[in-house]
N, C-alpha and C. Protein backbone atom coordinates (compact mmCIF):
# COMPACT_ATOMS: atom_id res chain seq x y z
N UNK A 1 234.03 73.60 81.35
CA UNK A 1 232.78 74.13 81.84
C UNK A 1 232.99 75.57 82.32
N UNK A 2 231.96 76.35 82.13
CA UNK A 2 232.03 77.72 82.60
C UNK A 2 230.67 78.11 83.15
N UNK A 3 230.68 79.10 84.02
CA UNK A 3 229.46 79.62 84.60
C UNK A 3 229.26 81.04 84.11
N UNK A 4 228.04 81.35 83.73
CA UNK A 4 227.72 82.67 83.21
C UNK A 4 226.45 83.15 83.87
N UNK A 5 226.46 84.35 84.41
CA UNK A 5 225.27 84.91 85.04
C UNK A 5 224.21 85.13 83.97
N UNK A 6 222.96 84.89 84.33
CA UNK A 6 221.86 84.94 83.37
C UNK A 6 221.74 86.31 82.69
N UNK A 7 221.93 87.38 83.44
CA UNK A 7 221.82 88.70 82.83
C UNK A 7 222.94 88.94 81.83
N UNK A 8 224.13 88.40 82.09
CA UNK A 8 225.22 88.51 81.13
C UNK A 8 224.91 87.70 79.86
N UNK A 9 224.33 86.52 80.04
CA UNK A 9 223.95 85.69 78.88
C UNK A 9 222.89 86.40 78.04
N UNK A 10 221.88 86.94 78.70
CA UNK A 10 220.79 87.59 77.99
C UNK A 10 221.25 88.87 77.30
N UNK A 11 222.22 89.57 77.87
CA UNK A 11 222.70 90.83 77.31
C UNK A 11 223.72 90.63 76.19
N UNK A 12 224.31 89.46 76.11
CA UNK A 12 225.35 89.21 75.10
C UNK A 12 224.76 89.26 73.70
N UNK A 13 225.38 90.04 72.83
CA UNK A 13 224.92 90.10 71.44
C UNK A 13 225.34 88.84 70.69
N UNK A 14 226.48 88.31 71.03
CA UNK A 14 226.96 87.05 70.46
C UNK A 14 226.84 86.00 71.56
N UNK A 15 225.85 85.15 71.45
CA UNK A 15 225.63 84.12 72.47
C UNK A 15 226.70 83.04 72.37
N UNK A 16 227.11 82.56 73.51
CA UNK A 16 228.05 81.44 73.54
C UNK A 16 227.36 80.21 72.98
N UNK A 17 228.11 79.40 72.27
CA UNK A 17 227.54 78.16 71.76
C UNK A 17 227.31 77.21 72.94
N UNK A 18 226.11 76.67 73.08
CA UNK A 18 225.84 75.77 74.20
C UNK A 18 226.66 74.50 74.09
N UNK A 19 227.06 73.97 75.23
CA UNK A 19 227.79 72.71 75.25
C UNK A 19 226.78 71.57 75.34
N UNK A 20 227.27 70.36 75.54
CA UNK A 20 226.39 69.19 75.61
C UNK A 20 225.34 69.29 76.69
N UNK A 21 225.68 69.89 77.81
CA UNK A 21 224.73 70.05 78.91
C UNK A 21 224.78 71.49 79.38
N UNK A 22 223.63 72.11 79.49
CA UNK A 22 223.51 73.45 80.04
C UNK A 22 222.63 73.35 81.27
N UNK A 23 223.04 73.98 82.35
CA UNK A 23 222.30 73.94 83.60
C UNK A 23 221.84 75.34 83.95
N UNK A 24 220.55 75.49 84.14
CA UNK A 24 220.00 76.76 84.62
C UNK A 24 219.63 76.54 86.08
N UNK A 25 220.24 77.32 86.96
CA UNK A 25 219.96 77.14 88.38
C UNK A 25 219.85 78.49 89.05
N UNK A 26 219.18 78.51 90.17
CA UNK A 26 219.01 79.73 90.93
C UNK A 26 217.62 79.81 91.53
N UNK A 27 217.38 80.88 92.26
CA UNK A 27 216.13 81.03 92.99
C UNK A 27 215.11 81.93 92.29
N UNK A 28 215.42 82.39 91.09
CA UNK A 28 214.52 83.33 90.42
C UNK A 28 213.87 82.68 89.19
N UNK A 29 212.64 82.19 89.33
CA UNK A 29 211.98 81.50 88.21
C UNK A 29 211.84 82.35 86.95
N UNK A 30 211.60 83.66 87.11
CA UNK A 30 211.43 84.53 85.95
C UNK A 30 212.71 84.56 85.11
N UNK A 31 213.86 84.71 85.76
CA UNK A 31 215.12 84.75 85.03
C UNK A 31 215.42 83.40 84.38
N UNK A 32 215.06 82.31 85.05
CA UNK A 32 215.26 80.99 84.46
C UNK A 32 214.41 80.83 83.19
N UNK A 33 213.17 81.32 83.24
CA UNK A 33 212.31 81.23 82.06
C UNK A 33 212.87 82.06 80.91
N UNK A 34 213.37 83.26 81.21
CA UNK A 34 213.97 84.09 80.16
C UNK A 34 215.18 83.38 79.54
N UNK A 35 216.03 82.84 80.38
CA UNK A 35 217.22 82.14 79.89
C UNK A 35 216.83 80.90 79.09
N UNK A 36 215.82 80.16 79.56
CA UNK A 36 215.38 78.96 78.84
C UNK A 36 214.82 79.33 77.47
N UNK A 37 214.06 80.39 77.39
CA UNK A 37 213.52 80.84 76.11
C UNK A 37 214.64 81.20 75.15
N UNK A 38 215.62 81.96 75.64
CA UNK A 38 216.76 82.35 74.79
C UNK A 38 217.58 81.14 74.36
N UNK A 39 217.79 80.21 75.27
CA UNK A 39 218.57 79.01 74.97
C UNK A 39 217.84 78.14 73.94
N UNK A 40 216.54 77.99 74.11
CA UNK A 40 215.76 77.20 73.14
C UNK A 40 215.81 77.85 71.76
N UNK A 41 215.66 79.16 71.69
CA UNK A 41 215.72 79.85 70.40
C UNK A 41 217.08 79.65 69.74
N UNK A 42 218.12 79.72 70.55
CA UNK A 42 219.46 79.54 70.02
C UNK A 42 219.67 78.10 69.53
N UNK A 43 219.21 77.13 70.32
CA UNK A 43 219.39 75.72 69.96
C UNK A 43 218.56 75.35 68.75
N UNK A 44 217.35 75.88 68.66
CA UNK A 44 216.45 75.50 67.57
C UNK A 44 216.68 76.32 66.31
N UNK A 45 217.44 77.39 66.40
CA UNK A 45 217.77 78.23 65.25
C UNK A 45 216.54 78.58 64.41
N UNK A 46 215.47 78.96 65.07
CA UNK A 46 214.26 79.37 64.37
C UNK A 46 213.40 78.22 63.87
N UNK A 47 213.81 76.97 64.11
CA UNK A 47 213.03 75.81 63.68
C UNK A 47 212.09 75.40 64.80
N UNK A 48 210.83 75.86 64.73
CA UNK A 48 209.87 75.58 65.78
C UNK A 48 209.48 74.11 65.85
N UNK A 49 209.81 73.33 64.81
CA UNK A 49 209.49 71.91 64.80
C UNK A 49 210.64 71.04 65.29
N UNK A 50 211.72 71.66 65.74
CA UNK A 50 212.86 70.89 66.25
C UNK A 50 212.40 70.06 67.44
N UNK A 51 212.91 68.83 67.55
CA UNK A 51 212.46 67.95 68.63
C UNK A 51 212.90 68.44 70.01
N UNK A 52 211.92 68.53 70.91
CA UNK A 52 212.16 68.92 72.30
C UNK A 52 211.39 67.97 73.19
N UNK A 53 212.06 67.39 74.17
CA UNK A 53 211.40 66.55 75.16
C UNK A 53 211.56 67.22 76.51
N UNK A 54 210.47 67.31 77.25
CA UNK A 54 210.49 67.96 78.56
C UNK A 54 210.00 67.00 79.61
N UNK A 55 210.75 66.92 80.71
CA UNK A 55 210.38 66.08 81.84
C UNK A 55 210.33 66.94 83.10
N UNK A 56 209.28 66.79 83.88
CA UNK A 56 209.23 67.40 85.21
C UNK A 56 209.64 66.30 86.18
N UNK A 57 210.87 66.40 86.68
CA UNK A 57 211.45 65.33 87.47
C UNK A 57 210.84 65.20 88.86
N UNK A 58 210.15 66.22 89.33
CA UNK A 58 209.46 66.09 90.61
C UNK A 58 208.12 65.39 90.44
N UNK A 59 207.53 65.54 89.28
CA UNK A 59 206.27 64.86 88.99
C UNK A 59 206.53 63.37 88.75
N UNK A 60 207.50 63.08 87.89
CA UNK A 60 207.93 61.71 87.61
C UNK A 60 209.35 61.78 87.08
N UNK A 61 210.27 61.21 87.86
CA UNK A 61 211.67 61.26 87.44
C UNK A 61 211.89 60.25 86.32
N UNK A 62 212.41 60.70 85.17
CA UNK A 62 212.65 59.78 84.06
C UNK A 62 213.84 58.87 84.35
N UNK A 63 213.86 57.73 83.71
CA UNK A 63 215.01 56.84 83.79
C UNK A 63 216.13 57.43 82.93
N UNK A 64 217.37 57.15 83.31
CA UNK A 64 218.50 57.60 82.52
C UNK A 64 218.37 57.11 81.08
N UNK A 65 217.94 55.88 80.93
CA UNK A 65 217.80 55.26 79.61
C UNK A 65 216.90 56.11 78.70
N UNK A 66 215.80 56.62 79.26
CA UNK A 66 214.87 57.42 78.46
C UNK A 66 215.52 58.73 78.00
N UNK A 67 216.24 59.38 78.90
CA UNK A 67 216.90 60.64 78.55
C UNK A 67 218.02 60.39 77.54
N UNK A 68 218.82 59.36 77.77
CA UNK A 68 219.92 59.04 76.84
C UNK A 68 219.38 58.68 75.46
N UNK A 69 218.27 57.94 75.42
CA UNK A 69 217.66 57.59 74.13
C UNK A 69 217.20 58.84 73.39
N UNK A 70 216.58 59.76 74.11
CA UNK A 70 216.13 61.01 73.48
C UNK A 70 217.31 61.76 72.88
N UNK A 71 218.41 61.83 73.61
CA UNK A 71 219.58 62.58 73.14
C UNK A 71 220.28 61.92 71.96
N UNK A 72 220.21 60.60 71.89
CA UNK A 72 220.96 59.90 70.83
C UNK A 72 220.11 59.57 69.61
N UNK A 73 218.81 59.82 69.65
CA UNK A 73 217.95 59.53 68.52
C UNK A 73 218.01 60.66 67.50
N UNK A 74 218.33 60.30 66.27
CA UNK A 74 218.38 61.30 65.21
C UNK A 74 216.97 61.59 64.71
N UNK A 75 216.72 62.83 64.38
CA UNK A 75 215.42 63.22 63.84
C UNK A 75 215.26 62.67 62.43
N UNK A 76 214.08 62.22 62.11
CA UNK A 76 213.81 61.73 60.76
C UNK A 76 213.88 62.84 59.72
N UNK A 77 213.69 64.07 60.17
CA UNK A 77 213.63 65.20 59.25
C UNK A 77 214.87 66.06 59.31
N UNK A 78 215.96 65.54 59.85
CA UNK A 78 217.20 66.29 59.92
C UNK A 78 217.14 67.35 61.00
N UNK A 79 217.86 68.42 60.79
CA UNK A 79 217.84 69.52 61.74
C UNK A 79 218.99 69.43 62.72
N UNK A 80 218.93 70.30 63.70
CA UNK A 80 220.01 70.41 64.68
C UNK A 80 219.90 69.40 65.79
N UNK A 81 220.59 69.68 66.86
CA UNK A 81 220.62 68.74 67.98
C UNK A 81 219.26 68.64 68.67
N UNK A 82 219.03 67.51 69.29
CA UNK A 82 217.82 67.31 70.08
C UNK A 82 217.97 68.05 71.39
N UNK A 83 216.86 68.48 71.92
CA UNK A 83 216.87 69.22 73.17
C UNK A 83 216.02 68.47 74.18
N UNK A 84 216.62 68.16 75.32
CA UNK A 84 215.91 67.50 76.42
C UNK A 84 215.96 68.46 77.60
N UNK A 85 214.78 68.80 78.12
CA UNK A 85 214.68 69.72 79.24
C UNK A 85 214.22 68.94 80.47
N UNK A 86 215.00 69.03 81.53
CA UNK A 86 214.68 68.37 82.79
C UNK A 86 214.36 69.46 83.81
N UNK A 87 213.08 69.67 84.07
CA UNK A 87 212.67 70.67 85.07
C UNK A 87 212.77 70.07 86.46
N UNK A 88 213.14 70.91 87.39
CA UNK A 88 213.26 70.51 88.81
C UNK A 88 213.99 69.18 88.93
N UNK A 89 215.21 69.16 88.42
CA UNK A 89 215.96 67.92 88.19
C UNK A 89 216.90 67.52 89.32
N UNK A 90 216.77 68.08 90.51
CA UNK A 90 217.69 67.74 91.59
C UNK A 90 217.74 66.23 91.84
N UNK A 91 216.59 65.57 91.89
CA UNK A 91 216.57 64.13 92.16
C UNK A 91 217.18 63.35 90.99
N UNK A 92 216.94 63.79 89.77
CA UNK A 92 217.52 63.12 88.61
C UNK A 92 219.04 63.24 88.64
N UNK A 93 219.54 64.43 88.92
CA UNK A 93 220.99 64.65 88.97
C UNK A 93 221.62 63.81 90.07
N UNK A 94 221.00 63.77 91.24
CA UNK A 94 221.54 62.97 92.34
C UNK A 94 221.60 61.49 91.98
N UNK A 95 220.55 60.99 91.34
CA UNK A 95 220.49 59.57 91.00
C UNK A 95 221.40 59.20 89.83
N UNK A 96 221.76 60.18 89.00
CA UNK A 96 222.52 59.88 87.78
C UNK A 96 223.80 60.68 87.66
N UNK A 97 224.35 61.12 88.77
CA UNK A 97 225.52 61.98 88.74
C UNK A 97 226.67 61.38 87.93
N UNK A 98 227.02 60.12 88.16
CA UNK A 98 228.15 59.52 87.45
C UNK A 98 227.89 59.45 85.94
N UNK A 99 226.68 59.10 85.56
CA UNK A 99 226.34 59.03 84.13
C UNK A 99 226.42 60.41 83.49
N UNK A 100 225.93 61.42 84.19
CA UNK A 100 226.00 62.78 83.67
C UNK A 100 227.44 63.24 83.53
N UNK A 101 228.27 62.94 84.53
CA UNK A 101 229.68 63.31 84.45
C UNK A 101 230.37 62.62 83.29
N UNK A 102 230.05 61.34 83.06
CA UNK A 102 230.60 60.62 81.91
C UNK A 102 230.14 61.25 80.60
N UNK A 103 228.88 61.64 80.55
CA UNK A 103 228.32 62.26 79.34
C UNK A 103 229.04 63.58 79.03
N UNK A 104 229.28 64.37 80.06
CA UNK A 104 229.97 65.66 79.86
C UNK A 104 231.43 65.42 79.47
N UNK A 105 232.06 64.39 80.03
CA UNK A 105 233.47 64.13 79.75
C UNK A 105 233.69 63.68 78.30
N UNK A 106 232.67 63.05 77.71
CA UNK A 106 232.79 62.58 76.32
C UNK A 106 231.77 63.31 75.46
N UNK A 107 232.14 64.49 74.97
CA UNK A 107 231.19 65.27 74.17
C UNK A 107 230.67 64.51 72.97
N UNK A 108 229.40 64.71 72.71
CA UNK A 108 228.75 64.12 71.55
C UNK A 108 228.17 65.23 70.69
N UNK A 109 227.82 64.89 69.47
CA UNK A 109 227.21 65.88 68.57
C UNK A 109 225.81 66.18 69.04
């Protein structure tokens, strides 16, 4: 795992390949939105139809099962990896810390 400042990520001409889990954190919503846009573009590789699931964890925290199912379900139309976005995920992370650590320890495609 590595930490990269958002301005360094946005300024990089060669973006680092995202790992299984990417965390955007900090107190500046504008910078988080810029980083999320860049990360989504990189992950989707110009495919606007790539599957993306978004959860607002403060509105309704998803079950681990739902998130894991989203990540492990292959798209019927091929394409790259699935993208699951967990907004305001502090409660989700607290409730699923061990599962998340296990997920990071065993990289998946």
